[in-house]
Every structure is written in C-alpha cells, then in structure tokens.
Amino acid sequence: MLIVKRSKLRKGFSQPPNEMVFDERLSMLARMVLVEIMARPPGWQTNAQQMWEKAYRNRGARAEGKRAYRTAFAELEEFGYMTRETKKIPAGEPGGGGFVTVLTAYDLPQKPDN
C-alpha cells in the first residue's frame, strides 16, 4: 500500500501535463529531464552535457551517466518533445560565420506538421 500526502502548493511549483508525466514511451530519466526543463524560466538554456555535469557535481558517482543524458535528449526528440535546428550565426556576432544548434522543448509532443 502507498499513501500519498501532498503539500499545499503556494509558489515555486510546476504543473506538467499528465500526458507528459505518464508518457510510457519515455524513460524515467527523459521524463524528469523534461520536467526540469519545463520548470525553468524562459530563456534558460542547457543541453545534455550541462545537465550531466550538474548531476555529477551534485551526486558524484551516483549520478546518471553522460550517455544516459544523451539518450534522454534523443528520446525527447524522437517522440516530439524536443526539436533540433542548426542555425548559421550571422557575421558580426560572436562566433559569426559558424553554426549553433538550437534545441526547443515542448511540454506536449508535437506532430511533425506542427
């Protein structure tokens, strides 16, 4: 038997859609990565490497591996929760002429035509 006791939410909380939380196509790590991304403020940026580094700093050898985070990001992309786009950096900007990968995360899976 499991007894669930919930605190009264006041501020500093997120409400992810149940469709995302219970999407059995995703591993638990992929779901939690997405929950963390969605709980962050607009403009916050990360990638699999940075999330792994943070986990390793906080939990050391108990942290999920670097490959696990990359796999989680790949799952999110595969099932429509994340898109990846390579963009050219305009000349005159730092890194101008080079390329940057832009990841966009969604709280619900996107259809290919959306």
N, C-alpha and C. Protein backbone atom coordinates (compact mmCIF):
# COMPACT_ATOMS: atom_id res chain seq x y z
N MET A 1 0.85 -1.17 0.00
CA MET A 1 0.00 0.00 0.00
C MET A 1 0.89 1.24 0.00
N LEU A 2 0.47 2.24 -0.78
CA LEU A 2 1.19 3.50 -0.86
C LEU A 2 0.23 4.61 -0.43
N ILE A 3 0.64 5.39 0.54
CA ILE A 3 -0.15 6.53 0.98
C ILE A 3 0.51 7.79 0.42
N VAL A 4 -0.27 8.61 -0.27
CA VAL A 4 0.25 9.84 -0.87
C VAL A 4 -0.23 11.03 -0.06
N LYS A 5 0.70 11.88 0.35
CA LYS A 5 0.36 13.11 1.08
C LYS A 5 0.95 14.26 0.30
N ARG A 6 0.11 15.17 -0.13
CA ARG A 6 0.55 16.31 -0.93
C ARG A 6 0.58 17.57 -0.08
N SER A 7 1.59 18.40 -0.34
CA SER A 7 1.66 19.69 0.34
C SER A 7 0.74 20.67 -0.39
N LYS A 8 0.37 21.73 0.29
CA LYS A 8 -0.44 22.76 -0.34
C LYS A 8 0.51 23.64 -1.15
N LEU A 9 0.27 23.72 -2.44
CA LEU A 9 1.15 24.47 -3.33
C LEU A 9 0.89 25.97 -3.17
N ARG A 10 1.95 26.71 -2.97
CA ARG A 10 1.82 28.15 -2.80
C ARG A 10 2.55 28.88 -3.93
N LYS A 11 3.86 28.72 -4.01
CA LYS A 11 4.63 29.31 -5.11
C LYS A 11 5.87 28.47 -5.32
N GLY A 12 6.49 28.63 -6.45
CA GLY A 12 7.68 27.85 -6.74
C GLY A 12 7.36 26.41 -7.09
N PHE A 13 6.31 26.18 -7.87
CA PHE A 13 5.96 24.82 -8.27
C PHE A 13 5.62 24.80 -9.75
N SER A 14 5.62 23.62 -10.33
CA SER A 14 5.28 23.44 -11.74
C SER A 14 4.10 22.48 -11.84
N GLN A 15 3.37 22.58 -12.93
CA GLN A 15 2.26 21.67 -13.17
C GLN A 15 2.42 21.08 -14.57
N PRO A 16 3.22 20.03 -14.69
CA PRO A 16 3.40 19.43 -16.02
C PRO A 16 2.14 18.66 -16.43
N PRO A 17 1.84 18.64 -17.72
CA PRO A 17 0.68 17.89 -18.18
C PRO A 17 0.84 16.39 -17.88
N ASN A 18 -0.22 15.73 -17.47
CA ASN A 18 -0.17 14.30 -17.20
C ASN A 18 0.27 13.51 -18.43
N GLU A 19 -0.10 13.97 -19.61
CA GLU A 19 0.31 13.27 -20.84
C GLU A 19 1.83 13.17 -20.90
N MET A 20 2.52 14.20 -20.44
CA MET A 20 3.98 14.19 -20.42
C MET A 20 4.49 13.30 -19.29
N VAL A 21 3.96 13.46 -18.11
CA VAL A 21 4.43 12.72 -16.94
C VAL A 21 4.26 11.22 -17.11
N PHE A 22 3.18 10.80 -17.73
CA PHE A 22 2.87 9.38 -17.84
C PHE A 22 3.14 8.81 -19.23
N ASP A 23 3.92 9.50 -20.04
CA ASP A 23 4.22 9.01 -21.40
C ASP A 23 5.18 7.82 -21.29
N GLU A 24 4.63 6.63 -21.36
CA GLU A 24 5.41 5.39 -21.17
C GLU A 24 6.43 5.14 -22.27
N ARG A 25 6.37 5.90 -23.34
CA ARG A 25 7.39 5.75 -24.39
C ARG A 25 8.74 6.28 -23.92
N LEU A 26 8.71 7.19 -22.94
CA LEU A 26 9.92 7.82 -22.44
C LEU A 26 10.44 7.11 -21.21
N SER A 27 11.75 7.07 -21.08
CA SER A 27 12.35 6.56 -19.84
C SER A 27 12.05 7.54 -18.71
N MET A 28 12.22 7.07 -17.49
CA MET A 28 12.00 7.95 -16.34
C MET A 28 12.97 9.14 -16.39
N LEU A 29 14.21 8.89 -16.80
CA LEU A 29 15.17 9.99 -16.87
C LEU A 29 14.72 11.02 -17.90
N ALA A 30 14.26 10.59 -19.06
CA ALA A 30 13.81 11.53 -20.08
C ALA A 30 12.65 12.37 -19.56
N ARG A 31 11.71 11.73 -18.85
CA ARG A 31 10.58 12.49 -18.29
C ARG A 31 11.06 13.51 -17.28
N MET A 32 11.99 13.13 -16.41
CA MET A 32 12.47 14.06 -15.39
C MET A 32 13.31 15.17 -15.99
N VAL A 33 14.07 14.87 -17.03
CA VAL A 33 14.82 15.92 -17.73
C VAL A 33 13.83 16.94 -18.29
N LEU A 34 12.75 16.46 -18.91
CA LEU A 34 11.76 17.36 -19.47
C LEU A 34 11.04 18.15 -18.38
N VAL A 35 10.72 17.51 -17.27
CA VAL A 35 10.09 18.23 -16.16
C VAL A 35 11.01 19.36 -15.68
N GLU A 36 12.31 19.07 -15.53
CA GLU A 36 13.23 20.12 -15.09
C GLU A 36 13.31 21.24 -16.11
N ILE A 37 13.40 20.90 -17.38
CA ILE A 37 13.48 21.93 -18.43
C ILE A 37 12.23 22.81 -18.39
N MET A 38 11.07 22.19 -18.27
CA MET A 38 9.80 22.94 -18.29
C MET A 38 9.61 23.79 -17.03
N ALA A 39 10.27 23.42 -15.94
CA ALA A 39 10.14 24.17 -14.69
C ALA A 39 11.03 25.41 -14.66
N ARG A 40 11.95 25.51 -15.60
CA ARG A 40 12.90 26.63 -15.63
C ARG A 40 12.26 27.87 -16.25
N PRO A 41 12.81 29.06 -15.96
CA PRO A 41 12.24 30.30 -16.51
C PRO A 41 12.53 30.44 -18.01
N PRO A 42 11.75 31.25 -18.70
CA PRO A 42 12.02 31.50 -20.12
C PRO A 42 13.44 32.00 -20.33
N GLY A 43 14.07 31.52 -21.37
CA GLY A 43 15.44 31.95 -21.68
C GLY A 43 16.52 31.08 -21.06
N TRP A 44 16.14 30.20 -20.12
CA TRP A 44 17.12 29.30 -19.51
C TRP A 44 17.61 28.35 -20.58
N GLN A 45 18.90 28.05 -20.57
CA GLN A 45 19.47 27.18 -21.60
C GLN A 45 20.26 26.05 -20.98
N THR A 46 20.24 24.91 -21.64
CA THR A 46 21.01 23.75 -21.21
C THR A 46 21.16 22.80 -22.38
N ASN A 47 21.90 21.75 -22.14
CA ASN A 47 21.99 20.64 -23.09
C ASN A 47 22.32 19.39 -22.27
N ALA A 48 22.43 18.25 -22.93
CA ALA A 48 22.66 17.00 -22.21
C ALA A 48 23.96 17.04 -21.42
N GLN A 49 25.01 17.59 -22.01
CA GLN A 49 26.31 17.67 -21.34
C GLN A 49 26.21 18.50 -20.06
N GLN A 50 25.57 19.66 -20.14
CA GLN A 50 25.47 20.53 -18.96
C GLN A 50 24.61 19.89 -17.87
N MET A 51 23.55 19.20 -18.25
CA MET A 51 22.72 18.55 -17.24
C MET A 51 23.49 17.42 -16.56
N TRP A 52 24.27 16.67 -17.35
CA TRP A 52 25.08 15.61 -16.76
C TRP A 52 26.12 16.19 -15.80
N GLU A 53 26.80 17.27 -16.22
CA GLU A 53 27.82 17.89 -15.37
C GLU A 53 27.22 18.35 -14.04
N LYS A 54 26.03 18.93 -14.09
CA LYS A 54 25.36 19.37 -12.86
C LYS A 54 25.04 18.17 -11.97
N ALA A 55 24.51 17.11 -12.57
CA ALA A 55 24.19 15.90 -11.80
C ALA A 55 25.46 15.33 -11.17
N TYR A 56 26.54 15.29 -11.92
CA TYR A 56 27.80 14.73 -11.41
C TYR A 56 28.37 15.59 -10.28
N ARG A 57 28.28 16.92 -10.43
CA ARG A 57 28.75 17.81 -9.35
C ARG A 57 27.96 17.58 -8.07
N ASN A 58 26.66 17.35 -8.21
CA ASN A 58 25.80 17.21 -7.03
C ASN A 58 25.78 15.81 -6.44
N ARG A 59 25.96 14.77 -7.27
CA ARG A 59 25.81 13.41 -6.77
C ARG A 59 27.00 12.51 -7.05
N GLY A 60 28.01 13.04 -7.73
CA GLY A 60 29.21 12.24 -7.98
C GLY A 60 28.92 10.96 -8.72
N ALA A 61 29.51 9.87 -8.27
CA ALA A 61 29.39 8.57 -8.94
C ALA A 61 27.96 8.04 -8.95
N ARG A 62 27.10 8.57 -8.10
CA ARG A 62 25.69 8.12 -8.09
C ARG A 62 24.88 8.73 -9.22
N ALA A 63 25.43 9.74 -9.88
CA ALA A 63 24.70 10.43 -10.96
C ALA A 63 24.53 9.52 -12.16
N GLU A 64 23.46 9.75 -12.90
CA GLU A 64 23.25 9.04 -14.15
C GLU A 64 24.42 9.39 -15.06
N GLY A 65 24.77 8.49 -15.95
CA GLY A 65 25.92 8.69 -16.82
C GLY A 65 25.67 9.69 -17.94
N LYS A 66 26.75 10.16 -18.52
CA LYS A 66 26.69 11.10 -19.63
C LYS A 66 25.87 10.52 -20.78
N ARG A 67 26.10 9.25 -21.08
CA ARG A 67 25.36 8.59 -22.17
C ARG A 67 23.86 8.55 -21.87
N ALA A 68 23.49 8.37 -20.61
CA ALA A 68 22.07 8.33 -20.23
C ALA A 68 21.40 9.67 -20.52
N TYR A 69 22.08 10.77 -20.26
CA TYR A 69 21.50 12.08 -20.55
C TYR A 69 21.38 12.28 -22.06
N ARG A 70 22.37 11.87 -22.81
CA ARG A 70 22.28 11.99 -24.28
C ARG A 70 21.13 11.16 -24.81
N THR A 71 20.96 9.96 -24.25
CA THR A 71 19.86 9.10 -24.66
C THR A 71 18.52 9.74 -24.30
N ALA A 72 18.43 10.35 -23.13
CA ALA A 72 17.19 11.03 -22.73
C ALA A 72 16.84 12.14 -23.70
N PHE A 73 17.82 12.95 -24.08
CA PHE A 73 17.57 14.02 -25.05
C PHE A 73 17.14 13.43 -26.39
N ALA A 74 17.75 12.34 -26.80
CA ALA A 74 17.37 11.69 -28.07
C ALA A 74 15.93 11.17 -28.00
N GLU A 75 15.54 10.62 -26.86
CA GLU A 75 14.15 10.15 -26.69
C GLU A 75 13.18 11.32 -26.81
N LEU A 76 13.49 12.42 -26.16
CA LEU A 76 12.61 13.59 -26.22
C LEU A 76 12.45 14.06 -27.66
N GLU A 77 13.53 14.01 -28.42
CA GLU A 77 13.46 14.40 -29.82
C GLU A 77 12.65 13.38 -30.63
N GLU A 78 12.92 12.11 -30.41
CA GLU A 78 12.24 11.04 -31.15
C GLU A 78 10.72 11.11 -30.98
N PHE A 79 10.25 11.43 -29.78
CA PHE A 79 8.82 11.39 -29.50
C PHE A 79 8.15 12.76 -29.55
N GLY A 80 8.85 13.76 -30.10
CA GLY A 80 8.23 15.05 -30.38
C GLY A 80 8.24 16.08 -29.27
N TYR A 81 8.96 15.82 -28.19
CA TYR A 81 9.03 16.79 -27.10
C TYR A 81 10.16 17.79 -27.29
N MET A 82 11.03 17.53 -28.25
CA MET A 82 12.17 18.41 -28.48
C MET A 82 12.49 18.43 -29.97
N THR A 83 12.85 19.61 -30.46
CA THR A 83 13.32 19.72 -31.84
C THR A 83 14.74 20.27 -31.81
N ARG A 84 15.46 19.96 -32.87
CA ARG A 84 16.86 20.39 -33.00
C ARG A 84 16.99 21.07 -34.35
N GLU A 85 17.57 22.27 -34.34
CA GLU A 85 17.76 23.02 -35.57
C GLU A 85 19.17 23.61 -35.58
N THR A 86 19.87 23.47 -36.67
CA THR A 86 21.20 24.06 -36.81
C THR A 86 21.03 25.39 -37.53
N LYS A 87 21.55 26.45 -36.91
CA LYS A 87 21.42 27.79 -37.49
C LYS A 87 22.81 28.40 -37.69
N LYS A 88 22.94 29.16 -38.74
CA LYS A 88 24.18 29.87 -39.01
C LYS A 88 24.20 31.14 -38.16
N ILE A 89 25.33 31.41 -37.53
CA ILE A 89 25.49 32.62 -36.72
C ILE A 89 25.85 33.76 -37.67
N PRO A 90 25.07 34.84 -37.65
CA PRO A 90 25.34 35.95 -38.58
C PRO A 90 26.73 36.56 -38.36
N ALA A 91 27.34 37.00 -39.46
CA ALA A 91 28.62 37.69 -39.37
C ALA A 91 28.43 38.93 -38.51
N GLY A 92 29.42 39.28 -37.75
CA GLY A 92 29.35 40.43 -36.87
C GLY A 92 28.96 40.09 -35.45
N GLU A 93 28.40 38.89 -35.25
CA GLU A 93 28.08 38.43 -33.90
C GLU A 93 29.21 37.53 -33.42
N PRO A 94 29.38 37.37 -32.10
CA PRO A 94 30.40 36.44 -31.61
C PRO A 94 30.19 35.06 -32.22
N GLY A 95 31.25 34.51 -32.76
CA GLY A 95 31.15 33.21 -33.43
C GLY A 95 30.57 33.31 -34.82
N GLY A 96 30.43 34.55 -35.34
CA GLY A 96 29.83 34.79 -36.64
C GLY A 96 30.44 33.94 -37.74
N GLY A 97 29.57 33.44 -38.60
CA GLY A 97 30.00 32.57 -39.68
C GLY A 97 29.96 31.11 -39.29
N GLY A 98 29.91 30.83 -38.00
CA GLY A 98 29.82 29.45 -37.53
C GLY A 98 28.37 29.00 -37.41
N PHE A 99 28.18 27.89 -36.75
CA PHE A 99 26.84 27.33 -36.60
C PHE A 99 26.55 27.05 -35.12
N VAL A 100 25.27 27.09 -34.78
CA VAL A 100 24.83 26.78 -33.43
C VAL A 100 23.63 25.85 -33.53
N THR A 101 23.53 24.92 -32.59
CA THR A 101 22.38 24.03 -32.53
C THR A 101 21.37 24.62 -31.55
N VAL A 102 20.15 24.81 -32.00
CA VAL A 102 19.08 25.35 -31.17
C VAL A 102 18.12 24.22 -30.84
N LEU A 103 17.96 23.94 -29.55
CA LEU A 103 17.00 22.94 -29.08
C LEU A 103 15.76 23.67 -28.59
N THR A 104 14.60 23.16 -28.96
CA THR A 104 13.33 23.71 -28.48
C THR A 104 12.59 22.58 -27.80
N ALA A 105 12.16 22.80 -26.55
CA ALA A 105 11.45 21.78 -25.79
C ALA A 105 9.98 22.16 -25.67
N TYR A 106 9.13 21.13 -25.68
CA TYR A 106 7.68 21.30 -25.60
C TYR A 106 7.14 20.44 -24.47
N ASP A 107 6.09 20.91 -23.80
CA ASP A 107 5.51 20.11 -22.72
C ASP A 107 4.56 19.03 -23.22
N LEU A 108 4.17 19.10 -24.48
CA LEU A 108 3.37 18.06 -25.11
C LEU A 108 4.03 17.70 -26.44
N PRO A 109 3.94 16.45 -26.87
CA PRO A 109 4.60 16.07 -28.11
C PRO A 109 4.02 16.81 -29.30
N GLN A 110 4.90 17.25 -30.17
CA GLN A 110 4.50 17.98 -31.37
C GLN A 110 4.38 17.00 -32.54
N LYS A 111 3.42 17.23 -33.35
CA LYS A 111 3.27 16.42 -34.57
C LYS A 111 4.26 16.95 -35.60
N PRO A 112 4.75 16.11 -36.50
CA PRO A 112 5.72 16.57 -37.49
C PRO A 112 5.27 17.78 -38.31
N ASP A 113 3.95 17.95 -38.51
CA ASP A 113 3.47 19.07 -39.30
C ASP A 113 3.15 20.30 -38.49
N ASN A 114 3.41 20.31 -37.16
CA ASN A 114 3.14 21.49 -36.32
C ASN A 114 4.28 22.46 -36.36
